[in-house]
Amino acid sequence: MTTPYERLMAEEIPTGTFGHAQPPRPPERHTRPWTPEEQAQHVADLLAALNGWESQDHHDVRKRERHRHLRLIQPDRTPEAA
């Protein structure tokens, strides 16, 4: 019978997986990149889902109260602004 120390020293590089036993790897998935149309639809779906949503979490409400003086300034996109 071997001691835990002897088992540990039996490994070249101690990995904690005695005998280099590794769990089986999941099968490799080959995914294709999204097309620009799929990306645009995904962004549209996300923006539609987030439209009007506001967190009611106590900490988020406190942060909004603390930063009420901050506001988002929309860029002026008129041709004269350029």
N, C-alpha and C. Protein backbone atom coordinates (compact mmCIF):
# COMPACT_ATOMS: atom_id res chain seq x y z
N MET A 1 0.84 -1.18 0.00
CA MET A 1 0.00 0.00 0.00
C MET A 1 0.89 1.25 0.00
N THR A 2 0.56 2.20 -0.87
CA THR A 2 1.37 3.42 -0.96
C THR A 2 0.74 4.53 -0.14
N THR A 3 1.59 5.42 0.29
CA THR A 3 1.11 6.56 1.08
C THR A 3 0.69 7.68 0.13
N PRO A 4 -0.10 8.64 0.61
CA PRO A 4 -0.46 9.77 -0.24
C PRO A 4 0.76 10.51 -0.76
N TYR A 5 1.80 10.63 0.07
CA TYR A 5 3.02 11.30 -0.36
C TYR A 5 3.66 10.55 -1.51
N GLU A 6 3.73 9.22 -1.43
CA GLU A 6 4.34 8.42 -2.50
C GLU A 6 3.52 8.56 -3.79
N ARG A 7 2.21 8.58 -3.68
CA ARG A 7 1.38 8.76 -4.88
C ARG A 7 1.62 10.13 -5.51
N LEU A 8 1.74 11.16 -4.67
CA LEU A 8 1.98 12.50 -5.18
C LEU A 8 3.34 12.59 -5.86
N MET A 9 4.35 11.98 -5.27
CA MET A 9 5.69 12.04 -5.82
C MET A 9 5.84 11.16 -7.07
N ALA A 10 4.90 10.24 -7.29
CA ALA A 10 4.97 9.38 -8.47
C ALA A 10 4.63 10.15 -9.74
N GLU A 11 4.01 11.31 -9.62
CA GLU A 11 3.68 12.12 -10.79
C GLU A 11 4.86 13.01 -11.14
N GLU A 12 5.10 13.19 -12.44
CA GLU A 12 6.19 14.07 -12.86
C GLU A 12 5.86 15.51 -12.47
N ILE A 13 4.69 15.95 -12.85
CA ILE A 13 4.21 17.27 -12.46
C ILE A 13 2.91 17.03 -11.71
N PRO A 14 2.88 17.33 -10.41
CA PRO A 14 1.68 17.05 -9.65
C PRO A 14 0.48 17.82 -10.20
N THR A 15 -0.52 17.08 -10.64
CA THR A 15 -1.73 17.70 -11.19
C THR A 15 -2.93 17.46 -10.31
N GLY A 16 -2.79 16.60 -9.31
CA GLY A 16 -3.92 16.27 -8.47
C GLY A 16 -4.82 15.22 -9.09
N THR A 17 -4.50 14.78 -10.29
CA THR A 17 -5.28 13.73 -10.96
C THR A 17 -4.35 12.54 -11.10
N PHE A 18 -4.25 11.76 -10.06
CA PHE A 18 -3.28 10.67 -10.01
C PHE A 18 -3.38 9.81 -11.26
N GLY A 19 -2.27 9.64 -11.90
CA GLY A 19 -2.23 8.87 -13.15
C GLY A 19 -2.72 9.68 -14.34
N HIS A 20 -2.82 10.97 -14.14
CA HIS A 20 -3.27 11.90 -15.20
C HIS A 20 -4.65 11.56 -15.72
N ALA A 21 -5.51 11.06 -14.85
CA ALA A 21 -6.88 10.77 -15.26
C ALA A 21 -7.61 12.08 -15.46
N GLN A 22 -8.13 12.32 -16.62
CA GLN A 22 -8.85 13.53 -16.95
C GLN A 22 -10.29 13.17 -17.30
N PRO A 23 -11.24 14.04 -16.97
CA PRO A 23 -12.61 13.76 -17.37
C PRO A 23 -12.73 13.81 -18.88
N PRO A 24 -13.67 13.08 -19.44
CA PRO A 24 -13.80 13.11 -20.90
C PRO A 24 -14.18 14.50 -21.38
N ARG A 25 -13.59 14.90 -22.50
CA ARG A 25 -13.89 16.21 -23.07
C ARG A 25 -15.23 16.15 -23.80
N PRO A 26 -15.98 17.24 -23.74
CA PRO A 26 -17.22 17.26 -24.51
C PRO A 26 -16.90 17.26 -25.99
N PRO A 27 -17.79 16.74 -26.81
CA PRO A 27 -17.52 16.73 -28.24
C PRO A 27 -17.36 18.15 -28.76
N GLU A 28 -16.44 18.31 -29.70
CA GLU A 28 -16.15 19.63 -30.24
C GLU A 28 -17.32 20.10 -31.11
N ARG A 29 -17.75 21.33 -30.85
CA ARG A 29 -18.86 21.88 -31.64
C ARG A 29 -18.29 22.82 -32.68
N HIS A 30 -18.67 22.61 -33.89
CA HIS A 30 -18.24 23.49 -34.97
C HIS A 30 -19.36 24.49 -35.21
N THR A 31 -19.09 25.74 -34.85
CA THR A 31 -20.09 26.78 -35.04
C THR A 31 -19.65 27.69 -36.17
N ARG A 32 -20.61 28.20 -36.85
CA ARG A 32 -20.30 29.14 -37.92
C ARG A 32 -20.53 30.55 -37.40
N PRO A 33 -19.83 31.53 -37.95
CA PRO A 33 -20.06 32.91 -37.53
C PRO A 33 -21.46 33.37 -37.93
N TRP A 34 -22.01 34.28 -37.16
CA TRP A 34 -23.32 34.82 -37.48
C TRP A 34 -23.23 35.71 -38.71
N THR A 35 -24.23 35.68 -39.53
CA THR A 35 -24.28 36.57 -40.68
C THR A 35 -24.64 37.97 -40.19
N PRO A 36 -24.35 39.01 -40.97
CA PRO A 36 -24.73 40.36 -40.55
C PRO A 36 -26.24 40.49 -40.30
N GLU A 37 -27.04 39.77 -41.08
CA GLU A 37 -28.50 39.82 -40.88
C GLU A 37 -28.89 39.21 -39.54
N GLU A 38 -28.26 38.07 -39.20
CA GLU A 38 -28.54 37.43 -37.91
C GLU A 38 -28.09 38.32 -36.75
N GLN A 39 -26.94 38.97 -36.90
CA GLN A 39 -26.45 39.87 -35.87
C GLN A 39 -27.40 41.04 -35.67
N ALA A 40 -27.86 41.62 -36.78
CA ALA A 40 -28.78 42.75 -36.69
C ALA A 40 -30.09 42.33 -36.02
N GLN A 41 -30.60 41.13 -36.35
CA GLN A 41 -31.84 40.67 -35.74
C GLN A 41 -31.64 40.41 -34.25
N HIS A 42 -30.49 39.87 -33.89
CA HIS A 42 -30.19 39.61 -32.48
C HIS A 42 -30.15 40.91 -31.69
N VAL A 43 -29.47 41.92 -32.23
CA VAL A 43 -29.39 43.22 -31.55
C VAL A 43 -30.78 43.83 -31.43
N ALA A 44 -31.58 43.75 -32.50
CA ALA A 44 -32.94 44.29 -32.45
C ALA A 44 -33.78 43.60 -31.38
N ASP A 45 -33.65 42.28 -31.28
CA ASP A 45 -34.39 41.53 -30.25
C ASP A 45 -33.97 41.95 -28.85
N LEU A 46 -32.66 42.10 -28.64
CA LEU A 46 -32.17 42.51 -27.33
C LEU A 46 -32.64 43.91 -26.96
N LEU A 47 -32.54 44.84 -27.91
CA LEU A 47 -32.96 46.21 -27.63
C LEU A 47 -34.45 46.29 -27.36
N ALA A 48 -35.23 45.49 -28.09
CA ALA A 48 -36.68 45.48 -27.85
C ALA A 48 -36.98 44.94 -26.46
N ALA A 49 -36.25 43.93 -26.03
CA ALA A 49 -36.48 43.34 -24.71
C ALA A 49 -36.07 44.31 -23.59
N LEU A 50 -35.05 45.14 -23.84
CA LEU A 50 -34.56 46.06 -22.82
C LEU A 50 -35.29 47.39 -22.82
N ASN A 51 -36.05 47.68 -23.85
CA ASN A 51 -36.71 48.97 -23.98
C ASN A 51 -37.67 49.21 -22.80
N GLY A 52 -37.41 50.26 -22.05
CA GLY A 52 -38.26 50.61 -20.93
C GLY A 52 -37.98 49.83 -19.65
N TRP A 53 -37.07 48.88 -19.70
CA TRP A 53 -36.79 48.07 -18.51
C TRP A 53 -35.93 48.88 -17.56
N GLU A 54 -36.24 48.81 -16.27
CA GLU A 54 -35.44 49.47 -15.25
C GLU A 54 -35.43 48.59 -14.02
N SER A 55 -34.27 48.41 -13.46
CA SER A 55 -34.12 47.55 -12.29
C SER A 55 -34.79 48.18 -11.08
N GLN A 56 -35.46 47.35 -10.30
CA GLN A 56 -36.07 47.80 -9.05
C GLN A 56 -35.29 47.31 -7.84
N ASP A 57 -34.10 46.77 -8.10
CA ASP A 57 -33.24 46.31 -7.02
C ASP A 57 -32.91 47.48 -6.10
N HIS A 58 -32.95 47.25 -4.81
CA HIS A 58 -32.72 48.31 -3.82
C HIS A 58 -31.40 49.04 -4.07
N HIS A 59 -30.35 48.31 -4.36
CA HIS A 59 -29.04 48.93 -4.58
C HIS A 59 -29.03 49.75 -5.86
N ASP A 60 -29.70 49.29 -6.91
CA ASP A 60 -29.76 50.05 -8.15
C ASP A 60 -30.55 51.33 -7.97
N VAL A 61 -31.65 51.25 -7.22
CA VAL A 61 -32.45 52.45 -6.95
C VAL A 61 -31.61 53.47 -6.19
N ARG A 62 -30.86 53.01 -5.19
CA ARG A 62 -30.00 53.93 -4.43
C ARG A 62 -28.94 54.57 -5.31
N LYS A 63 -28.36 53.80 -6.24
CA LYS A 63 -27.36 54.36 -7.15
C LYS A 63 -27.98 55.44 -8.04
N ARG A 64 -29.19 55.17 -8.56
CA ARG A 64 -29.86 56.16 -9.41
C ARG A 64 -30.12 57.44 -8.62
N GLU A 65 -30.55 57.30 -7.36
CA GLU A 65 -30.80 58.47 -6.54
C GLU A 65 -29.50 59.26 -6.32
N ARG A 66 -28.43 58.55 -6.09
CA ARG A 66 -27.14 59.18 -5.82
C ARG A 66 -26.58 59.89 -7.05
N HIS A 67 -26.91 59.39 -8.24
CA HIS A 67 -26.35 59.95 -9.48
C HIS A 67 -27.42 60.65 -10.31
N ARG A 68 -28.44 61.16 -9.66
CA ARG A 68 -29.53 61.81 -10.38
C ARG A 68 -29.05 63.05 -11.14
N HIS A 69 -27.96 63.68 -10.69
CA HIS A 69 -27.45 64.88 -11.36
C HIS A 69 -26.81 64.55 -12.71
N LEU A 70 -26.51 63.27 -12.95
CA LEU A 70 -25.91 62.88 -14.22
C LEU A 70 -27.02 62.64 -15.24
N ARG A 71 -26.79 63.05 -16.47
CA ARG A 71 -27.78 62.82 -17.51
C ARG A 71 -27.06 62.54 -18.82
N LEU A 72 -27.73 61.81 -19.67
CA LEU A 72 -27.18 61.45 -20.96
C LEU A 72 -27.47 62.57 -21.95
N ILE A 73 -26.45 63.05 -22.63
CA ILE A 73 -26.62 64.08 -23.65
C ILE A 73 -26.53 63.39 -25.00
N GLN A 74 -27.60 63.48 -25.77
CA GLN A 74 -27.63 62.88 -27.10
C GLN A 74 -26.81 63.73 -28.06
N PRO A 75 -26.00 63.11 -28.92
CA PRO A 75 -25.21 63.89 -29.87
C PRO A 75 -26.13 64.54 -30.90
N ASP A 76 -25.75 65.74 -31.33
CA ASP A 76 -26.52 66.45 -32.35
C ASP A 76 -26.11 65.90 -33.71
N ARG A 77 -27.04 65.29 -34.40
CA ARG A 77 -26.72 64.64 -35.67
C ARG A 77 -27.16 65.46 -36.88
N THR A 78 -27.39 66.73 -36.69
CA THR A 78 -27.77 67.57 -37.82
C THR A 78 -26.54 67.88 -38.67
N PRO A 79 -26.73 68.11 -39.99
CA PRO A 79 -25.57 68.41 -40.85
C PRO A 79 -24.81 69.67 -40.40
N GLU A 80 -25.53 70.62 -39.78
CA GLU A 80 -24.86 71.87 -39.35
C GLU A 80 -23.91 71.62 -38.19
N ALA A 81 -24.13 70.54 -37.44
CA ALA A 81 -23.31 70.24 -36.28
C ALA A 81 -21.92 69.76 -36.67
N ALA A 82 -21.78 69.29 -37.88
CA ALA A 82 -20.49 68.73 -38.33
C ALA A 82 -19.54 69.77 -38.69
